[in-house]
Amino acid sequence: MYRVASSLIVGFGIVMATMTGLSAQNPGGSAEGRSLKNAVASGAESIATGQAAYAKNCRFCHGPDAKGNGPMAPRETHPSDLTDVKWDRGATDGEIFMVIRDGAGPEMKMKGYKGRLADNEMWSIVNYLRSVGPKKK
């Protein structure tokens, strides 16, 4: 019985890891992300909310200035510079939202924030990043 339960637990873990990897935003962006529209209007309040959420959740890896130079980035990783003009995982608001929500695949070096941040907080982070990074396409 123990072996069956262990096998089921391991199998469930593999399925969940595979599903998580499939939902992550991969290099090149996605049609789904390009079709998503920002649900939070960009303005001073949203940008301030996004900046606070970024400081609490993102700055450790991406750095306080969003240049990808955070002091706590996992070893052997290179977090993205969120202020440059090249966005490897898509440059639309929806694609950026999907990276925040689902993480960055295929190796999942960045885990998603779905369930840890409200959608409006993630959209506000997008608005904040727009204020410090490349302009909307």
N, C-alpha and C. Protein backbone atom coordinates (compact mmCIF):
# COMPACT_ATOMS: atom_id res chain seq x y z
N MET A 1 0.83 -1.20 0.00
CA MET A 1 0.00 0.00 0.00
C MET A 1 0.87 1.26 0.00
N TYR A 2 1.97 1.22 0.77
CA TYR A 2 2.87 2.36 0.85
C TYR A 2 3.46 2.67 -0.52
N ARG A 3 3.85 1.63 -1.27
CA ARG A 3 4.44 1.84 -2.59
C ARG A 3 3.43 2.46 -3.55
N VAL A 4 2.20 2.02 -3.47
CA VAL A 4 1.16 2.57 -4.35
C VAL A 4 0.95 4.05 -4.05
N ALA A 5 0.85 4.37 -2.77
CA ALA A 5 0.64 5.77 -2.37
C ALA A 5 1.85 6.62 -2.78
N SER A 6 3.04 6.11 -2.56
CA SER A 6 4.25 6.85 -2.95
C SER A 6 4.29 7.08 -4.46
N SER A 7 3.95 6.03 -5.21
CA SER A 7 3.94 6.15 -6.67
C SER A 7 2.92 7.17 -7.13
N LEU A 8 1.76 7.18 -6.51
CA LEU A 8 0.73 8.17 -6.87
C LEU A 8 1.19 9.58 -6.56
N ILE A 9 1.82 9.77 -5.42
CA ILE A 9 2.30 11.10 -5.04
C ILE A 9 3.37 11.57 -6.00
N VAL A 10 4.33 10.71 -6.32
CA VAL A 10 5.39 11.08 -7.26
C VAL A 10 4.80 11.37 -8.63
N GLY A 11 3.88 10.52 -9.08
CA GLY A 11 3.24 10.73 -10.38
C GLY A 11 2.48 12.05 -10.43
N PHE A 12 1.76 12.37 -9.37
CA PHE A 12 1.03 13.64 -9.31
C PHE A 12 2.00 14.81 -9.37
N GLY A 13 3.12 14.69 -8.67
CA GLY A 13 4.13 15.75 -8.70
C GLY A 13 4.69 15.97 -10.09
N ILE A 14 4.94 14.89 -10.81
CA ILE A 14 5.45 15.00 -12.17
C ILE A 14 4.42 15.66 -13.08
N VAL A 15 3.17 15.26 -12.95
CA VAL A 15 2.10 15.87 -13.76
C VAL A 15 2.00 17.35 -13.46
N MET A 16 2.02 17.72 -12.20
CA MET A 16 1.91 19.14 -11.83
C MET A 16 3.10 19.94 -12.35
N ALA A 17 4.29 19.39 -12.25
CA ALA A 17 5.47 20.08 -12.75
C ALA A 17 5.40 20.26 -14.26
N THR A 18 4.91 19.26 -14.95
CA THR A 18 4.76 19.34 -16.40
C THR A 18 3.73 20.39 -16.76
N MET A 19 2.61 20.41 -16.06
CA MET A 19 1.56 21.39 -16.35
C MET A 19 2.05 22.80 -16.07
N THR A 20 2.78 22.99 -15.00
CA THR A 20 3.32 24.30 -14.67
C THR A 20 4.26 24.77 -15.76
N GLY A 21 5.11 23.88 -16.22
CA GLY A 21 6.05 24.22 -17.29
C GLY A 21 5.35 24.58 -18.57
N LEU A 22 4.24 23.91 -18.87
CA LEU A 22 3.52 24.19 -20.10
C LEU A 22 2.82 25.53 -20.07
N SER A 23 2.41 25.97 -18.88
CA SER A 23 1.71 27.24 -18.81
C SER A 23 2.66 28.43 -18.71
N ALA A 24 3.92 28.18 -18.49
CA ALA A 24 4.89 29.26 -18.36
C ALA A 24 5.11 29.96 -19.70
N GLN A 25 5.41 31.23 -19.61
CA GLN A 25 5.70 32.01 -20.81
C GLN A 25 7.09 31.66 -21.31
N ASN A 26 7.19 31.18 -22.52
CA ASN A 26 8.46 30.78 -23.10
C ASN A 26 9.02 31.91 -23.95
N PRO A 27 10.29 31.82 -24.30
CA PRO A 27 10.87 32.85 -25.18
C PRO A 27 10.04 33.02 -26.45
N GLY A 28 9.87 34.25 -26.86
CA GLY A 28 9.09 34.55 -28.05
C GLY A 28 7.68 35.01 -27.77
N GLY A 29 7.23 34.90 -26.53
CA GLY A 29 5.88 35.33 -26.19
C GLY A 29 4.84 34.33 -26.62
N SER A 30 3.59 34.78 -26.67
CA SER A 30 2.51 33.87 -27.02
C SER A 30 1.32 34.64 -27.58
N ALA A 31 0.55 33.94 -28.39
CA ALA A 31 -0.68 34.53 -28.93
C ALA A 31 -1.66 34.84 -27.81
N GLU A 32 -1.73 33.96 -26.82
CA GLU A 32 -2.64 34.20 -25.70
C GLU A 32 -2.26 35.49 -24.97
N GLY A 33 -0.97 35.67 -24.72
CA GLY A 33 -0.51 36.88 -24.04
C GLY A 33 -0.77 38.13 -24.86
N ARG A 34 -0.55 38.04 -26.17
CA ARG A 34 -0.78 39.20 -27.04
C ARG A 34 -2.26 39.58 -27.06
N SER A 35 -3.15 38.62 -26.81
CA SER A 35 -4.58 38.92 -26.84
C SER A 35 -5.11 39.49 -25.52
N LEU A 36 -4.34 39.35 -24.44
CA LEU A 36 -4.78 39.88 -23.15
C LEU A 36 -4.63 41.40 -23.11
N LYS A 37 -5.63 42.06 -22.61
CA LYS A 37 -5.59 43.51 -22.46
C LYS A 37 -5.42 43.86 -20.98
N ASN A 38 -4.64 44.89 -20.71
CA ASN A 38 -4.38 45.32 -19.35
C ASN A 38 -5.70 45.74 -18.70
N ALA A 39 -6.01 45.09 -17.58
CA ALA A 39 -7.28 45.34 -16.89
C ALA A 39 -7.20 46.52 -15.92
N VAL A 40 -6.01 47.08 -15.74
CA VAL A 40 -5.82 48.20 -14.81
C VAL A 40 -5.26 49.38 -15.59
N ALA A 41 -5.99 50.47 -15.60
CA ALA A 41 -5.54 51.67 -16.31
C ALA A 41 -4.25 52.19 -15.67
N SER A 42 -3.31 52.54 -16.53
CA SER A 42 -2.05 53.06 -16.03
C SER A 42 -2.23 54.50 -15.57
N GLY A 43 -1.78 54.76 -14.38
CA GLY A 43 -1.86 56.10 -13.80
C GLY A 43 -1.00 56.11 -12.54
N ALA A 44 -0.92 57.24 -11.91
CA ALA A 44 -0.05 57.39 -10.74
C ALA A 44 -0.35 56.36 -9.65
N GLU A 45 -1.63 56.11 -9.39
CA GLU A 45 -2.01 55.16 -8.33
C GLU A 45 -1.59 53.74 -8.69
N SER A 46 -1.88 53.33 -9.93
CA SER A 46 -1.52 51.99 -10.37
C SER A 46 -0.01 51.80 -10.39
N ILE A 47 0.71 52.79 -10.87
CA ILE A 47 2.17 52.70 -10.92
C ILE A 47 2.75 52.60 -9.51
N ALA A 48 2.20 53.37 -8.56
CA ALA A 48 2.67 53.30 -7.17
C ALA A 48 2.35 51.92 -6.57
N THR A 49 1.18 51.38 -6.87
CA THR A 49 0.81 50.05 -6.40
C THR A 49 1.75 49.01 -7.00
N GLY A 50 2.02 49.14 -8.29
CA GLY A 50 2.94 48.22 -8.97
C GLY A 50 4.35 48.32 -8.43
N GLN A 51 4.80 49.53 -8.15
CA GLN A 51 6.14 49.72 -7.61
C GLN A 51 6.26 49.05 -6.24
N ALA A 52 5.24 49.19 -5.41
CA ALA A 52 5.26 48.56 -4.09
C ALA A 52 5.26 47.04 -4.21
N ALA A 53 4.44 46.50 -5.10
CA ALA A 53 4.39 45.05 -5.30
C ALA A 53 5.70 44.54 -5.89
N TYR A 54 6.30 45.31 -6.81
CA TYR A 54 7.59 44.95 -7.38
C TYR A 54 8.65 44.91 -6.28
N ALA A 55 8.67 45.94 -5.43
CA ALA A 55 9.66 46.01 -4.35
C ALA A 55 9.53 44.83 -3.39
N LYS A 56 8.32 44.39 -3.16
CA LYS A 56 8.08 43.30 -2.23
C LYS A 56 8.39 41.93 -2.84
N ASN A 57 8.17 41.77 -4.15
CA ASN A 57 8.23 40.45 -4.76
C ASN A 57 9.30 40.24 -5.82
N CYS A 58 9.76 41.29 -6.46
CA CYS A 58 10.59 41.13 -7.66
C CYS A 58 12.01 41.66 -7.53
N ARG A 59 12.20 42.65 -6.69
CA ARG A 59 13.49 43.35 -6.64
C ARG A 59 14.63 42.46 -6.18
N PHE A 60 14.33 41.41 -5.46
CA PHE A 60 15.40 40.55 -4.95
C PHE A 60 16.18 39.88 -6.08
N CYS A 61 15.49 39.57 -7.16
CA CYS A 61 16.16 38.95 -8.32
C CYS A 61 16.42 39.97 -9.43
N HIS A 62 15.42 40.81 -9.72
CA HIS A 62 15.55 41.75 -10.83
C HIS A 62 16.25 43.05 -10.43
N GLY A 63 16.46 43.25 -9.14
CA GLY A 63 17.16 44.44 -8.66
C GLY A 63 16.21 45.58 -8.37
N PRO A 64 16.63 46.51 -7.50
CA PRO A 64 15.77 47.64 -7.14
C PRO A 64 15.48 48.57 -8.31
N ASP A 65 16.37 48.57 -9.30
CA ASP A 65 16.18 49.42 -10.48
C ASP A 65 15.72 48.62 -11.70
N ALA A 66 15.35 47.34 -11.50
CA ALA A 66 14.81 46.45 -12.53
C ALA A 66 15.82 46.13 -13.64
N LYS A 67 17.10 46.23 -13.33
CA LYS A 67 18.14 46.00 -14.34
C LYS A 67 18.62 44.54 -14.38
N GLY A 68 18.01 43.66 -13.58
CA GLY A 68 18.40 42.26 -13.59
C GLY A 68 19.59 41.97 -12.70
N ASN A 69 19.85 42.85 -11.76
CA ASN A 69 21.05 42.73 -10.92
C ASN A 69 20.71 42.55 -9.44
N GLY A 70 19.67 41.82 -9.16
CA GLY A 70 19.24 41.64 -7.78
C GLY A 70 20.21 40.80 -6.97
N PRO A 71 20.34 41.12 -5.69
CA PRO A 71 21.32 40.45 -4.85
C PRO A 71 20.96 39.01 -4.48
N MET A 72 19.72 38.61 -4.64
CA MET A 72 19.31 37.27 -4.22
C MET A 72 18.89 36.37 -5.37
N ALA A 73 19.27 36.72 -6.58
CA ALA A 73 18.95 35.87 -7.72
C ALA A 73 19.63 34.52 -7.52
N PRO A 74 18.92 33.44 -7.82
CA PRO A 74 19.55 32.13 -7.65
C PRO A 74 20.85 32.03 -8.45
N ARG A 75 21.80 31.33 -7.88
CA ARG A 75 23.10 31.14 -8.52
C ARG A 75 22.92 30.59 -9.94
N GLU A 76 23.75 31.04 -10.83
CA GLU A 76 23.75 30.60 -12.23
C GLU A 76 22.50 31.05 -13.01
N THR A 77 21.80 32.05 -12.50
CA THR A 77 20.68 32.60 -13.26
C THR A 77 21.02 34.03 -13.66
N HIS A 78 20.34 34.49 -14.65
CA HIS A 78 20.54 35.85 -15.13
C HIS A 78 19.17 36.49 -15.31
N PRO A 79 18.61 37.05 -14.23
CA PRO A 79 17.29 37.67 -14.35
C PRO A 79 17.29 38.74 -15.44
N SER A 80 16.16 38.88 -16.07
CA SER A 80 16.02 39.85 -17.16
C SER A 80 16.18 41.27 -16.69
N ASP A 81 16.81 42.08 -17.54
CA ASP A 81 16.82 43.53 -17.37
C ASP A 81 15.47 44.01 -17.88
N LEU A 82 14.64 44.51 -16.99
CA LEU A 82 13.27 44.89 -17.36
C LEU A 82 13.19 46.33 -17.85
N THR A 83 14.35 46.97 -18.00
CA THR A 83 14.36 48.35 -18.50
C THR A 83 14.90 48.45 -19.91
N ASP A 84 15.38 47.35 -20.46
CA ASP A 84 15.95 47.42 -21.81
C ASP A 84 14.86 47.29 -22.87
N VAL A 85 15.24 47.44 -24.11
CA VAL A 85 14.24 47.45 -25.19
C VAL A 85 13.91 46.06 -25.70
N LYS A 86 14.65 45.04 -25.31
CA LYS A 86 14.40 43.68 -25.80
C LYS A 86 13.77 42.84 -24.70
N TRP A 87 12.57 42.37 -24.98
CA TRP A 87 11.86 41.51 -24.05
C TRP A 87 11.77 40.13 -24.69
N ASP A 88 12.50 39.17 -24.16
CA ASP A 88 12.60 37.85 -24.77
C ASP A 88 11.30 37.04 -24.71
N ARG A 89 10.45 37.33 -23.78
CA ARG A 89 9.24 36.53 -23.59
C ARG A 89 7.98 37.28 -24.00
N GLY A 90 8.14 38.26 -24.86
CA GLY A 90 7.01 39.04 -25.34
C GLY A 90 6.98 40.40 -24.71
N ALA A 91 6.53 41.40 -25.47
CA ALA A 91 6.61 42.78 -25.01
C ALA A 91 5.25 43.43 -24.79
N THR A 92 4.16 42.72 -25.06
CA THR A 92 2.85 43.33 -24.82
C THR A 92 2.53 43.25 -23.34
N ASP A 93 1.59 44.07 -22.90
CA ASP A 93 1.18 44.02 -21.50
C ASP A 93 0.74 42.62 -21.11
N GLY A 94 -0.04 41.96 -21.97
CA GLY A 94 -0.54 40.62 -21.67
C GLY A 94 0.58 39.60 -21.54
N GLU A 95 1.59 39.70 -22.39
CA GLU A 95 2.70 38.75 -22.30
C GLU A 95 3.50 38.97 -21.02
N ILE A 96 3.70 40.22 -20.65
CA ILE A 96 4.41 40.52 -19.40
C ILE A 96 3.59 40.01 -18.21
N PHE A 97 2.27 40.24 -18.24
CA PHE A 97 1.38 39.75 -17.20
C PHE A 97 1.51 38.23 -17.06
N MET A 98 1.53 37.53 -18.20
CA MET A 98 1.62 36.07 -18.16
C MET A 98 2.93 35.59 -17.55
N VAL A 99 4.02 36.30 -17.79
CA VAL A 99 5.30 35.92 -17.16
C VAL A 99 5.18 36.09 -15.65
N ILE A 100 4.61 37.19 -15.21
CA ILE A 100 4.44 37.41 -13.77
C ILE A 100 3.52 36.33 -13.19
N ARG A 101 2.42 36.06 -13.85
CA ARG A 101 1.42 35.11 -13.35
C ARG A 101 1.92 33.66 -13.38
N ASP A 102 2.50 33.24 -14.53
CA ASP A 102 2.80 31.83 -14.75
C ASP A 102 4.27 31.46 -14.61
N GLY A 103 5.14 32.45 -14.61
CA GLY A 103 6.57 32.18 -14.53
C GLY A 103 7.20 32.17 -15.90
N ALA A 104 8.48 31.93 -15.91
CA ALA A 104 9.24 31.94 -17.15
C ALA A 104 9.79 30.55 -17.43
N GLY A 105 9.37 29.98 -18.54
CA GLY A 105 9.81 28.64 -18.92
C GLY A 105 10.96 28.72 -19.90
N PRO A 106 11.45 27.67 -20.40
CA PRO A 106 11.03 26.30 -20.07
C PRO A 106 11.68 25.75 -18.81
N GLU A 107 12.72 26.38 -18.31
CA GLU A 107 13.42 25.84 -17.14
C GLU A 107 12.81 26.31 -15.82
N MET A 108 11.85 27.21 -15.88
CA MET A 108 11.14 27.70 -14.69
C MET A 108 12.07 28.31 -13.65
N LYS A 109 13.04 29.09 -14.12
CA LYS A 109 13.92 29.79 -13.18
C LYS A 109 13.15 30.87 -12.44
N MET A 110 12.11 31.38 -13.07
CA MET A 110 11.22 32.32 -12.39
C MET A 110 9.88 31.64 -12.20
N LYS A 111 9.49 31.50 -10.96
CA LYS A 111 8.19 30.90 -10.64
C LYS A 111 7.10 31.95 -10.79
N GLY A 112 5.91 31.51 -11.13
CA GLY A 112 4.79 32.43 -11.29
C GLY A 112 4.20 32.87 -9.95
N TYR A 113 3.45 33.95 -10.01
CA TYR A 113 2.84 34.52 -8.80
C TYR A 113 1.34 34.28 -8.73
N LYS A 114 0.82 33.43 -9.60
CA LYS A 114 -0.62 33.10 -9.56
C LYS A 114 -0.94 32.52 -8.18
N GLY A 115 -1.95 33.08 -7.55
CA GLY A 115 -2.33 32.63 -6.21
C GLY A 115 -1.59 33.34 -5.10
N ARG A 116 -0.51 34.04 -5.44
CA ARG A 116 0.23 34.79 -4.42
C ARG A 116 0.02 36.29 -4.56
N LEU A 117 -0.30 36.73 -5.76
CA LEU A 117 -0.63 38.13 -6.02
C LEU A 117 -1.98 38.18 -6.72
N ALA A 118 -2.75 39.19 -6.42
CA ALA A 118 -4.02 39.39 -7.12
C ALA A 118 -3.74 39.86 -8.54
N ASP A 119 -4.64 39.55 -9.45
CA ASP A 119 -4.47 39.97 -10.84
C ASP A 119 -4.22 41.46 -10.96
N ASN A 120 -4.98 42.27 -10.20
CA ASN A 120 -4.80 43.72 -10.32
C ASN A 120 -3.41 44.16 -9.85
N GLU A 121 -2.81 43.44 -8.90
CA GLU A 121 -1.43 43.75 -8.49
C GLU A 121 -0.45 43.43 -9.62
N MET A 122 -0.67 42.29 -10.28
CA MET A 122 0.21 41.92 -11.39
C MET A 122 0.09 42.91 -12.54
N TRP A 123 -1.14 43.35 -12.84
CA TRP A 123 -1.32 44.36 -13.89
C TRP A 123 -0.67 45.68 -13.48
N SER A 124 -0.72 46.00 -12.20
CA SER A 124 -0.07 47.22 -11.73
C SER A 124 1.45 47.11 -11.83
N ILE A 125 2.01 45.91 -11.62
CA ILE A 125 3.45 45.72 -11.84
C ILE A 125 3.77 45.97 -13.30
N VAL A 126 2.92 45.49 -14.21
CA VAL A 126 3.13 45.75 -15.64
C VAL A 126 3.17 47.26 -15.87
N ASN A 127 2.24 48.00 -15.28
CA ASN A 127 2.20 49.45 -15.45
C ASN A 127 3.46 50.11 -14.87
N TYR A 128 3.91 49.62 -13.73
CA TYR A 128 5.15 50.15 -13.15
C TYR A 128 6.33 49.88 -14.08
N LEU A 129 6.44 48.65 -14.58
CA LEU A 129 7.55 48.32 -15.48
C LEU A 129 7.51 49.18 -16.74
N ARG A 130 6.33 49.48 -17.22
CA ARG A 130 6.21 50.37 -18.38
C ARG A 130 6.76 51.76 -18.05
N SER A 131 6.60 52.16 -16.80
CA SER A 131 7.07 53.51 -16.41
C SER A 131 8.60 53.59 -16.31
N VAL A 132 9.26 52.44 -16.12
CA VAL A 132 10.72 52.44 -15.99
C VAL A 132 11.42 51.73 -17.14
N GLY A 133 10.66 51.07 -17.98
CA GLY A 133 11.28 50.26 -19.03
C GLY A 133 10.82 50.67 -20.42
N PRO A 134 10.89 49.72 -21.35
CA PRO A 134 10.52 50.01 -22.74
C PRO A 134 9.04 50.36 -22.83
N LYS A 135 8.73 51.19 -23.75
CA LYS A 135 7.34 51.64 -23.90
C LYS A 135 6.51 50.60 -24.63
N LYS A 136 5.23 50.68 -24.40
CA LYS A 136 4.25 49.72 -24.92
C LYS A 136 4.30 49.62 -26.44
N LYS A 137 4.17 48.40 -26.93
CA LYS A 137 4.12 48.16 -28.38
C LYS A 137 2.69 48.05 -28.83
